[in-house]
Amino acid sequence: MASAAEQLAANLNLGAFSKATELKKRIWFTLGALLVYRIGTYIPVPGVDASVMGEMLAQHGGGILGMFDMFSGGALGRMTVFALNIMPYISASIIIQLMTAAVPTLEALKKEGESGRKKLNQYTRYLTVVIAVFQSYGIAVGLESMRGAFGAAVIDPGMFFRVSCVVSLVGGTMFLMWLGEQITARGIGNGISLIIFSGIVANLPHALASLLELGRTGALSPIFILCFIVIAVAVVAFIVFMERAQRRIVIQYPKRQVGQRMFGGDSSHLPLKINTSGVIPPIFASSILLVPATISGFAGAGEPGWLTMIGSALAHGEPLYMAAYAGMIIFFSYFYTAVVFNPQETADNLKKQGGFIPGIRPGTATAEYFDYILTRLTTIGALYLCVVCLLPEILISRYGVPFYFGGTSLMIIVSVTMDTVTQAQSHLMAHQYEGLIRKMKVRGRGR
């Protein structure tokens, strides 16, 4: 307990934090950007009666639309300019990354370094616009056919409304994409993940109140609510354990003689995380599953029979939805791990530095060993993601618990929080090193 307390005190060095001007600027910029995002989730789309949309979400909120509303931070239920949120950008990123692995031209761009990365980012932005236009036009058409107890959802349907709705929703998505990039460059952490994170966290108090209301009305027993909260805490602890777990591969560096002195002979380790892909697979899988179900949800009463069947089959708790969700999580776990870690490239870099794994020959044998270890780690990581994301989904579909207590949302909250704290600590460490270097220079001049 004493060592844990000492480690916590070391991480929360308030004295060093107060002097880290650059870190404080980044934190304030991130908070300001997220505040702008939250304000935008209350700016309505012109010509839409939000009460009808809220009524529909209340009736069908237990399905896929409830998850979409969760990712949008409640913007969909209020039908605001951020209703699409950042999901078109995520879908575009998935497509570009898949094409990078399949198209030689894009693969060559990826290997060009910074210039190639900028070019791929530009292609991702263009594709985001295309996807957002299609999705927003589908929403506009669906809104025109939507009616509730308060009347029609669209006050004045027609081409003018469709154009204004598309412009509003596409503009909101592109602004969020730009805001996320600004947070990544000038703030703390991954901006896209922080935007999704802030939307989920902002609605947690309302979700908790809804859960307690279910207990008050007798829909859920107090014992079940207590057990569910305990399970949620256990899931959070399990996520923290698995996200920090890693396999350390010992790397040995040979001794070399320079003149009369011997150098090297040291050993270090290469850490490989069990869940190398992080929170990306659940987000990617959710964004893909949202597309057909959203089209079905907004198509209105005259939708084709096959579209109704797809929408019903992909509802929460249905076997097809669970199987597709698990399959996509496993696929993206392997795919994203292959994108971020190249065994052959790592083995070549290790060989150039003179390092080797004891008992493994440098070069191709080392790359095969990395691939062997990484495949098994990714298998464990993919199964862990499936368990964390699917078990709470079963409880949600059967007992009507709010989505904000689901495995995907809890994992996003925990992972983004850990990543943000890690980045804040790295900025704090860099500030302390800079201060130490300045003191050394002052002492050197004094002498």
Protein backbone atom coordinates (compact mmCIF):
# COMPACT_ATOMS: atom_id res chain seq x y z
CA MET A 1 0.00 0.00 0.00
CA ALA A 2 2.86 2.37 0.85
CA SER A 3 4.55 1.89 -2.52
CA ALA A 4 1.23 2.44 -4.35
CA ALA A 5 0.66 5.65 -2.39
CA GLU A 6 4.19 6.84 -3.17
CA GLN A 7 3.69 6.12 -6.87
CA LEU A 8 0.41 8.03 -6.88
CA ALA A 9 2.06 10.96 -5.14
CA ALA A 10 4.86 10.92 -7.69
CA ASN A 11 2.38 10.94 -10.59
CA LEU A 12 0.39 13.79 -9.05
CA ASN A 13 3.31 16.14 -8.49
CA LEU A 14 1.27 19.30 -8.06
CA GLY A 15 4.34 21.45 -7.55
CA ALA A 16 5.80 20.44 -10.89
CA PHE A 17 2.38 20.73 -12.54
CA SER A 18 1.95 24.34 -11.39
CA LYS A 19 5.23 25.26 -13.11
CA ALA A 20 4.48 23.39 -16.36
CA THR A 21 3.14 26.32 -18.37
CA GLU A 22 3.00 24.43 -21.69
CA LEU A 23 1.03 21.55 -20.13
CA LYS A 24 -1.49 23.95 -18.56
CA LYS A 25 -1.99 25.68 -21.93
CA ARG A 26 -2.67 22.32 -23.57
CA ILE A 27 -5.14 21.34 -20.86
CA TRP A 28 -7.02 24.65 -21.09
CA PHE A 29 -7.11 24.40 -24.90
CA THR A 30 -8.51 20.85 -24.68
CA LEU A 31 -11.18 21.88 -22.17
CA GLY A 32 -12.13 24.90 -24.28
CA ALA A 33 -12.42 22.79 -27.44
CA LEU A 34 -14.59 20.20 -25.68
CA LEU A 35 -16.78 23.01 -24.32
CA VAL A 36 -17.29 24.26 -27.89
CA TYR A 37 -18.25 20.72 -28.89
CA ARG A 38 -20.79 20.43 -26.08
CA ILE A 39 -22.33 23.79 -27.01
CA GLY A 40 -22.66 22.58 -30.60
CA THR A 41 -24.68 19.56 -29.48
CA TYR A 42 -27.49 22.01 -28.58
CA ILE A 43 -27.62 23.96 -31.89
CA PRO A 44 -30.67 22.54 -33.75
CA VAL A 45 -30.87 21.70 -37.45
CA PRO A 46 -33.11 24.31 -39.17
CA GLY A 47 -36.66 23.22 -39.90
CA VAL A 48 -36.78 20.18 -37.57
CA ASP A 49 -39.16 19.71 -34.64
CA ALA A 50 -36.78 18.15 -32.10
CA SER A 51 -39.68 16.97 -29.90
CA VAL A 52 -40.71 14.43 -32.57
CA MET A 53 -37.15 13.14 -32.80
CA GLY A 54 -36.97 12.91 -29.01
CA GLU A 55 -40.24 10.98 -28.96
CA MET A 56 -38.93 8.49 -31.53
CA LEU A 57 -35.71 8.03 -29.60
CA ALA A 58 -37.69 7.43 -26.42
CA GLN A 59 -39.68 4.70 -28.18
CA HIS A 60 -36.75 3.06 -29.99
CA GLY A 61 -33.88 4.17 -27.76
CA GLY A 62 -33.17 0.63 -26.67
CA GLY A 63 -31.96 -0.23 -30.17
CA ILE A 64 -29.27 0.97 -32.49
CA LEU A 65 -30.48 4.58 -32.40
CA GLY A 66 -29.76 4.64 -28.65
CA MET A 67 -26.14 3.70 -29.32
CA PHE A 68 -25.88 6.32 -32.08
CA ASP A 69 -27.23 8.92 -29.65
CA MET A 70 -24.66 7.81 -27.07
CA PHE A 71 -21.75 8.29 -29.49
CA SER A 72 -23.13 11.68 -30.57
CA GLY A 73 -23.35 12.91 -26.96
CA GLY A 74 -27.15 13.28 -27.12
CA ALA A 75 -26.98 15.38 -30.33
CA LEU A 76 -29.11 12.90 -32.30
CA GLY A 77 -31.98 13.00 -29.78
CA ARG A 78 -31.99 16.80 -30.01
CA MET A 79 -31.40 16.67 -33.82
CA THR A 80 -28.59 19.20 -33.74
CA VAL A 81 -25.83 20.06 -36.23
CA PHE A 82 -23.54 17.48 -34.56
CA ALA A 83 -26.06 14.62 -34.96
CA LEU A 84 -23.67 12.66 -37.23
CA ASN A 85 -20.84 13.34 -34.78
CA ILE A 86 -17.43 12.06 -35.89
CA MET A 87 -18.69 8.71 -37.20
CA PRO A 88 -18.27 9.53 -40.94
CA TYR A 89 -14.61 10.35 -40.28
CA ILE A 90 -14.13 7.05 -38.46
CA SER A 91 -15.79 5.17 -41.34
CA ALA A 92 -13.53 6.99 -43.81
CA SER A 93 -10.47 6.11 -41.74
CA ILE A 94 -11.47 2.44 -41.79
CA ILE A 95 -11.87 2.44 -45.58
CA ILE A 96 -8.56 4.25 -46.20
CA GLN A 97 -6.67 1.89 -43.87
CA LEU A 98 -8.20 -1.15 -45.56
CA MET A 99 -7.31 0.27 -48.96
CA THR A 100 -3.77 1.02 -47.76
CA ALA A 101 -3.26 -2.69 -47.14
CA ALA A 102 -4.75 -3.63 -50.53
CA VAL A 103 -3.76 -0.83 -52.98
CA PRO A 104 0.00 -0.63 -53.76
CA THR A 105 -0.15 3.13 -54.50
CA LEU A 106 -1.60 3.92 -51.06
CA GLU A 107 0.81 1.49 -49.42
CA ALA A 108 3.71 3.35 -51.07
CA LEU A 109 2.31 6.65 -49.75
CA LYS A 110 2.25 5.23 -46.24
CA LYS A 111 5.97 4.41 -46.48
CA GLU A 112 6.91 7.92 -47.62
CA GLY A 113 6.84 9.25 -44.08
CA GLU A 114 5.31 12.59 -43.11
CA SER A 115 4.45 13.69 -46.67
CA GLY A 116 2.69 10.40 -47.39
CA ARG A 117 0.79 10.58 -44.11
CA LYS A 118 -0.47 14.08 -44.97
CA LYS A 119 -1.64 12.84 -48.36
CA LEU A 120 -3.53 9.91 -46.79
CA ASN A 121 -5.11 12.30 -44.26
CA GLN A 122 -6.27 14.47 -47.17
CA TYR A 123 -7.88 11.46 -48.87
CA THR A 124 -9.57 10.59 -45.55
CA ARG A 125 -11.05 14.09 -45.34
CA TYR A 126 -12.41 13.92 -48.89
CA LEU A 127 -13.98 10.52 -48.21
CA THR A 128 -15.44 11.86 -44.94
CA VAL A 129 -17.31 14.52 -46.91
CA VAL A 130 -18.71 11.92 -49.32
CA ILE A 131 -19.88 9.60 -46.53
CA ALA A 132 -21.34 12.48 -44.50
CA VAL A 133 -23.30 13.73 -47.54
CA PHE A 134 -24.87 10.31 -48.13
CA GLN A 135 -25.70 9.78 -44.44
CA SER A 136 -27.09 13.29 -43.93
CA TYR A 137 -29.25 13.06 -47.07
CA GLY A 138 -30.64 9.73 -45.81
CA ILE A 139 -31.43 11.36 -42.46
CA ALA A 140 -33.11 14.31 -44.19
CA VAL A 141 -35.36 11.99 -46.24
CA GLY A 142 -36.12 9.91 -43.14
CA LEU A 143 -37.03 13.00 -41.11
CA GLU A 144 -39.56 14.09 -43.76
CA SER A 145 -41.46 10.80 -43.33
CA MET A 146 -41.31 10.85 -39.54
CA ARG A 147 -44.44 11.67 -37.55
CA GLY A 148 -45.16 11.61 -33.83
CA ALA A 149 -47.81 12.65 -31.35
CA PHE A 150 -46.78 16.29 -31.82
CA GLY A 151 -47.08 16.16 -35.61
CA ALA A 152 -44.52 15.94 -38.41
CA ALA A 153 -40.81 16.12 -37.60
CA VAL A 154 -40.11 18.50 -40.51
CA ILE A 155 -41.96 21.81 -40.51
CA ASP A 156 -41.60 22.52 -44.24
CA PRO A 157 -40.45 19.43 -46.19
CA GLY A 158 -38.95 19.76 -49.64
CA MET A 159 -35.66 20.14 -51.49
CA PHE A 160 -34.76 23.33 -49.62
CA PHE A 161 -35.01 21.49 -46.29
CA ARG A 162 -32.95 18.57 -47.61
CA VAL A 163 -30.18 20.87 -48.82
CA SER A 164 -30.13 22.86 -45.57
CA CYS A 165 -30.12 19.65 -43.50
CA VAL A 166 -27.25 18.16 -45.53
CA VAL A 167 -25.22 21.38 -45.29
CA SER A 168 -25.82 21.62 -41.53
CA LEU A 169 -24.94 18.00 -40.74
CA VAL A 170 -21.94 17.81 -43.10
CA GLY A 171 -20.66 21.14 -41.80
CA GLY A 172 -21.01 19.90 -38.22
CA THR A 173 -19.08 16.70 -38.98
CA MET A 174 -16.28 18.56 -40.79
CA PHE A 175 -16.02 21.07 -37.93
CA LEU A 176 -15.71 18.20 -35.42
CA MET A 177 -13.04 16.57 -37.58
CA TRP A 178 -11.08 19.85 -37.61
CA LEU A 179 -11.64 20.30 -33.87
CA GLY A 180 -10.35 16.80 -33.18
CA GLU A 181 -7.21 17.48 -35.22
CA GLN A 182 -6.63 20.72 -33.29
CA ILE A 183 -6.97 18.90 -29.96
CA THR A 184 -4.45 16.29 -31.13
CA ALA A 185 -1.96 18.94 -32.25
CA ARG A 186 -2.42 21.62 -29.57
CA GLY A 187 -4.10 19.79 -26.71
CA ILE A 188 -3.70 16.50 -24.84
CA GLY A 189 -4.45 13.08 -26.26
CA ASN A 190 -6.23 11.88 -29.37
CA GLY A 191 -8.80 14.52 -30.29
CA ILE A 192 -11.26 12.14 -32.00
CA SER A 193 -11.30 9.80 -28.99
CA LEU A 194 -11.70 12.73 -26.59
CA ILE A 195 -14.73 14.02 -28.51
CA ILE A 196 -16.46 10.63 -28.25
CA PHE A 197 -15.33 10.36 -24.61
CA SER A 198 -16.76 13.76 -23.66
CA GLY A 199 -20.11 12.94 -25.26
CA ILE A 200 -20.41 9.73 -23.23
CA VAL A 201 -19.26 11.28 -19.96
CA ALA A 202 -21.56 14.31 -20.32
CA ASN A 203 -24.62 12.02 -20.31
CA LEU A 204 -23.46 9.67 -17.53
CA PRO A 205 -25.38 11.56 -14.78
CA HIS A 206 -28.59 11.31 -16.83
CA ALA A 207 -27.93 7.60 -17.45
CA LEU A 208 -27.38 7.01 -13.72
CA ALA A 209 -30.60 8.87 -12.93
CA SER A 210 -32.45 6.71 -15.49
CA LEU A 211 -31.05 3.55 -13.90
CA LEU A 212 -32.17 4.65 -10.43
CA GLU A 213 -35.58 5.61 -11.85
CA LEU A 214 -35.98 2.06 -13.16
CA GLY A 215 -35.35 0.86 -9.61
CA ARG A 216 -37.81 3.35 -8.12
CA THR A 217 -40.61 2.32 -10.47
CA GLY A 218 -39.95 -1.36 -9.79
CA ALA A 219 -38.77 -2.20 -13.33
CA LEU A 220 -35.47 -3.33 -11.81
CA SER A 221 -34.92 -4.66 -8.31
CA PRO A 222 -32.49 -2.79 -6.00
CA ILE A 223 -30.41 -5.98 -5.69
CA PHE A 224 -30.03 -6.15 -9.48
CA ILE A 225 -29.00 -2.47 -9.66
CA LEU A 226 -26.43 -3.02 -6.90
CA CYS A 227 -25.07 -6.13 -8.64
CA PHE A 228 -24.95 -4.28 -11.96
CA ILE A 229 -22.93 -1.41 -10.43
CA VAL A 230 -20.53 -3.95 -8.86
CA ILE A 231 -20.18 -5.65 -12.27
CA ALA A 232 -19.50 -2.26 -13.90
CA VAL A 233 -16.75 -1.52 -11.35
CA ALA A 234 -15.28 -5.00 -11.89
CA VAL A 235 -15.33 -4.47 -15.67
CA VAL A 236 -13.49 -1.14 -15.25
CA ALA A 237 -10.84 -2.83 -13.08
CA PHE A 238 -10.50 -5.65 -15.62
CA ILE A 239 -10.12 -3.13 -18.46
CA VAL A 240 -7.38 -1.26 -16.56
CA PHE A 241 -5.53 -4.53 -15.87
CA MET A 242 -5.71 -5.72 -19.48
CA GLU A 243 -4.80 -2.34 -20.97
CA ARG A 244 -1.65 -2.18 -18.83
CA ALA A 245 -0.71 -5.85 -19.34
CA GLN A 246 2.22 -6.49 -21.66
CA ARG A 247 4.67 -9.17 -22.76
CA ARG A 248 8.28 -8.05 -22.39
CA ILE A 249 10.72 -9.56 -24.89
CA VAL A 250 14.34 -9.46 -23.72
CA ILE A 251 16.69 -7.69 -26.15
CA GLN A 252 20.46 -8.27 -25.78
CA TYR A 253 23.13 -5.95 -27.15
CA PRO A 254 26.62 -7.41 -27.75
CA LYS A 255 29.80 -5.99 -26.28
CA ARG A 256 32.13 -4.06 -28.54
CA GLN A 257 35.63 -2.79 -27.97
CA VAL A 258 36.61 0.80 -28.77
CA GLY A 259 40.30 1.33 -28.13
CA GLN A 260 41.10 -0.01 -24.70
CA ARG A 261 37.51 0.17 -23.42
CA MET A 262 34.55 -2.20 -23.70
CA PHE A 263 31.09 -0.83 -24.48
CA GLY A 264 27.66 -2.44 -24.70
CA GLY A 265 26.69 -5.80 -23.36
CA ASP A 266 23.51 -4.34 -21.91
CA SER A 267 20.06 -5.88 -22.09
CA SER A 268 16.68 -4.21 -22.35
CA HIS A 269 13.18 -5.31 -23.21
CA LEU A 270 10.64 -4.65 -25.96
CA PRO A 271 7.14 -4.31 -24.43
CA LEU A 272 4.26 -5.74 -26.48
CA LYS A 273 0.79 -4.89 -25.17
CA ILE A 274 -1.80 -7.65 -24.98
CA ASN A 275 -4.32 -5.26 -26.53
CA THR A 276 -2.16 -3.47 -29.09
CA SER A 277 -5.16 -2.11 -31.00
CA GLY A 278 -6.66 -0.39 -27.94
CA VAL A 279 -10.22 0.91 -28.18
CA ILE A 280 -10.16 1.14 -32.00
CA PRO A 281 -11.84 -2.25 -32.82
CA PRO A 282 -15.06 -1.61 -30.80
CA ILE A 283 -15.38 1.91 -32.22
CA PHE A 284 -14.79 0.71 -35.79
CA ALA A 285 -17.21 -2.21 -35.36
CA SER A 286 -19.90 0.04 -33.83
CA SER A 287 -19.57 2.65 -36.58
CA ILE A 288 -19.98 0.03 -39.34
CA LEU A 289 -22.99 -1.61 -37.64
CA LEU A 290 -24.63 1.79 -37.25
CA VAL A 291 -24.83 2.39 -41.01
CA PRO A 292 -27.47 -0.19 -42.16
CA ALA A 293 -29.45 0.04 -38.93
CA THR A 294 -29.57 3.84 -39.11
CA ILE A 295 -30.82 3.73 -42.70
CA SER A 296 -33.51 1.28 -41.59
CA GLY A 297 -34.45 3.43 -38.60
CA PHE A 298 -34.85 6.60 -40.65
CA ALA A 299 -36.39 5.10 -43.80
CA GLY A 300 -39.92 5.56 -42.51
CA ALA A 301 -43.07 3.48 -42.86
CA GLY A 302 -42.64 2.80 -46.59
CA GLU A 303 -39.29 1.09 -46.30
CA PRO A 304 -38.71 -2.18 -48.25
CA GLY A 305 -39.24 -5.50 -46.53
CA TRP A 306 -35.61 -6.56 -46.81
CA LEU A 307 -34.52 -3.31 -45.10
CA THR A 308 -36.94 -3.96 -42.24
CA MET A 309 -35.55 -7.49 -41.89
CA ILE A 310 -31.95 -6.19 -41.74
CA GLY A 311 -32.90 -3.56 -39.17
CA SER A 312 -34.63 -6.17 -36.99
CA ALA A 313 -31.75 -8.67 -37.29
CA LEU A 314 -29.20 -6.01 -36.30
CA ALA A 315 -31.15 -4.83 -33.24
CA HIS A 316 -29.38 -5.00 -29.87
CA GLY A 317 -29.43 -8.42 -28.27
CA GLU A 318 -30.20 -10.23 -31.52
CA PRO A 319 -27.87 -13.16 -32.38
CA LEU A 320 -26.86 -11.68 -35.75
CA TYR A 321 -25.90 -8.36 -34.15
CA MET A 322 -23.83 -10.07 -31.45
CA ALA A 323 -22.11 -12.35 -33.98
CA ALA A 324 -21.37 -9.48 -36.37
CA TYR A 325 -20.12 -7.27 -33.52
CA ALA A 326 -17.81 -10.00 -32.20
CA GLY A 327 -16.56 -10.88 -35.69
CA MET A 328 -15.76 -7.25 -36.52
CA ILE A 329 -13.98 -6.72 -33.19
CA ILE A 330 -11.78 -9.77 -33.83
CA PHE A 331 -11.09 -8.71 -37.43
CA PHE A 332 -10.16 -5.13 -36.55
CA SER A 333 -8.02 -6.32 -33.62
CA TYR A 334 -5.81 -8.29 -36.01
CA PHE A 335 -6.00 -5.71 -38.77
CA TYR A 336 -5.13 -2.67 -36.65
CA THR A 337 -2.35 -4.56 -34.86
CA ALA A 338 -0.86 -5.38 -38.28
CA VAL A 339 -1.10 -1.69 -39.21
CA VAL A 340 0.66 -0.32 -36.11
CA PHE A 341 3.30 -3.07 -35.67
CA ASN A 342 5.37 -4.48 -38.53
CA PRO A 343 7.41 -7.51 -37.34
CA GLN A 344 9.80 -7.45 -40.32
CA GLU A 345 10.51 -3.73 -39.97
CA THR A 346 11.06 -4.07 -36.21
CA ALA A 347 13.41 -7.02 -36.73
CA ASP A 348 15.40 -5.09 -39.37
CA ASN A 349 15.73 -2.04 -37.09
CA LEU A 350 16.87 -4.29 -34.24
CA LYS A 351 19.47 -5.91 -36.50
CA LYS A 352 20.82 -2.52 -37.60
CA GLN A 353 21.25 -1.50 -33.94
CA GLY A 354 23.12 -4.71 -33.19
CA GLY A 355 20.44 -6.07 -30.87
CA PHE A 356 19.12 -9.62 -30.82
CA ILE A 357 16.76 -11.87 -28.88
CA PRO A 358 18.65 -14.58 -26.95
CA GLY A 359 18.24 -17.90 -28.73
CA ILE A 360 16.76 -16.31 -31.90
CA ARG A 361 18.83 -15.50 -34.99
CA PRO A 362 18.63 -11.85 -36.21
CA GLY A 363 16.66 -11.04 -39.35
CA THR A 364 13.90 -13.29 -40.68
CA ALA A 365 13.87 -15.63 -37.65
CA THR A 366 13.39 -12.62 -35.33
CA ALA A 367 10.53 -11.31 -37.49
CA GLU A 368 8.84 -14.73 -37.39
CA TYR A 369 9.26 -14.82 -33.61
CA PHE A 370 7.68 -11.36 -33.28
CA ASP A 371 4.80 -12.49 -35.50
CA TYR A 372 4.39 -15.67 -33.42
CA ILE A 373 4.21 -13.73 -30.13
CA LEU A 374 2.04 -10.95 -31.54
CA THR A 375 -0.51 -13.36 -33.03
CA ARG A 376 -1.07 -15.04 -29.67
CA LEU A 377 -1.21 -11.73 -27.81
CA THR A 378 -3.73 -10.38 -30.33
CA THR A 379 -5.88 -13.50 -29.90
CA ILE A 380 -6.04 -12.91 -26.15
CA GLY A 381 -6.67 -9.19 -26.72
CA ALA A 382 -9.49 -9.84 -29.22
CA LEU A 383 -11.20 -12.30 -26.86
CA TYR A 384 -10.86 -9.78 -24.02
CA LEU A 385 -12.51 -7.09 -26.17
CA CYS A 386 -15.35 -9.45 -27.11
CA VAL A 387 -16.02 -10.35 -23.46
CA VAL A 388 -15.91 -6.74 -22.25
CA CYS A 389 -18.10 -5.43 -25.08
CA LEU A 390 -20.64 -8.25 -25.42
CA LEU A 391 -21.50 -9.26 -21.85
CA PRO A 392 -22.82 -5.81 -20.83
CA GLU A 393 -24.67 -5.59 -24.17
CA ILE A 394 -26.64 -8.71 -23.19
CA LEU A 395 -27.65 -7.09 -19.89
CA ILE A 396 -28.60 -3.89 -21.73
CA SER A 397 -30.79 -5.68 -24.27
CA ARG A 398 -32.53 -7.89 -21.67
CA TYR A 399 -33.04 -5.44 -18.81
CA GLY A 400 -33.12 -2.04 -20.53
CA VAL A 401 -30.09 -0.63 -18.72
CA PRO A 402 -28.81 2.63 -20.35
CA PHE A 403 -26.12 2.26 -23.04
CA TYR A 404 -23.71 4.42 -21.09
CA PHE A 405 -23.01 1.44 -18.80
CA GLY A 406 -22.20 -0.85 -21.73
CA GLY A 407 -18.82 -2.45 -22.31
CA THR A 408 -17.97 -0.26 -25.32
CA SER A 409 -18.69 3.00 -23.49
CA LEU A 410 -16.85 1.89 -20.32
CA MET A 411 -13.86 0.83 -22.38
CA ILE A 412 -13.78 4.14 -24.25
CA ILE A 413 -13.94 6.05 -20.94
CA VAL A 414 -11.19 4.00 -19.26
CA SER A 415 -8.88 3.81 -22.29
CA VAL A 416 -9.13 7.50 -23.19
CA THR A 417 -8.64 8.49 -19.54
CA MET A 418 -5.51 6.33 -19.25
CA ASP A 419 -4.13 7.65 -22.56
CA THR A 420 -4.78 11.27 -21.55
CA VAL A 421 -3.12 10.81 -18.14
CA THR A 422 -0.13 9.14 -19.81
CA GLN A 423 0.27 12.04 -22.24
CA ALA A 424 -0.05 14.58 -19.42
CA GLN A 425 2.68 12.73 -17.49
CA SER A 426 4.94 12.69 -20.57
CA HIS A 427 4.50 16.47 -21.00
CA LEU A 428 5.23 16.92 -17.29
CA MET A 429 8.32 14.74 -17.55
CA ALA A 430 9.56 16.73 -20.57
CA HIS A 431 9.06 19.98 -18.62
CA GLN A 432 11.06 18.61 -15.68
CA TYR A 433 13.90 17.57 -18.02
CA GLU A 434 13.93 21.02 -19.60
CA GLY A 435 14.14 22.62 -16.16
CA LEU A 436 16.99 20.29 -15.21
CA ILE A 437 18.90 21.12 -18.40
CA ARG A 438 18.45 24.87 -17.78
CA LYS A 439 19.82 24.49 -14.24
CA MET A 440 22.84 22.56 -15.56
CA LYS A 441 23.56 25.33 -18.08
CA VAL A 442 23.31 28.03 -15.39
CA ARG A 443 25.69 26.12 -13.13
CA GLY A 444 28.11 25.62 -16.05
CA ARG A 445 28.18 29.35 -16.75
CA GLY A 446 28.68 30.09 -13.06
CA ARG A 447 31.82 28.02 -13.06
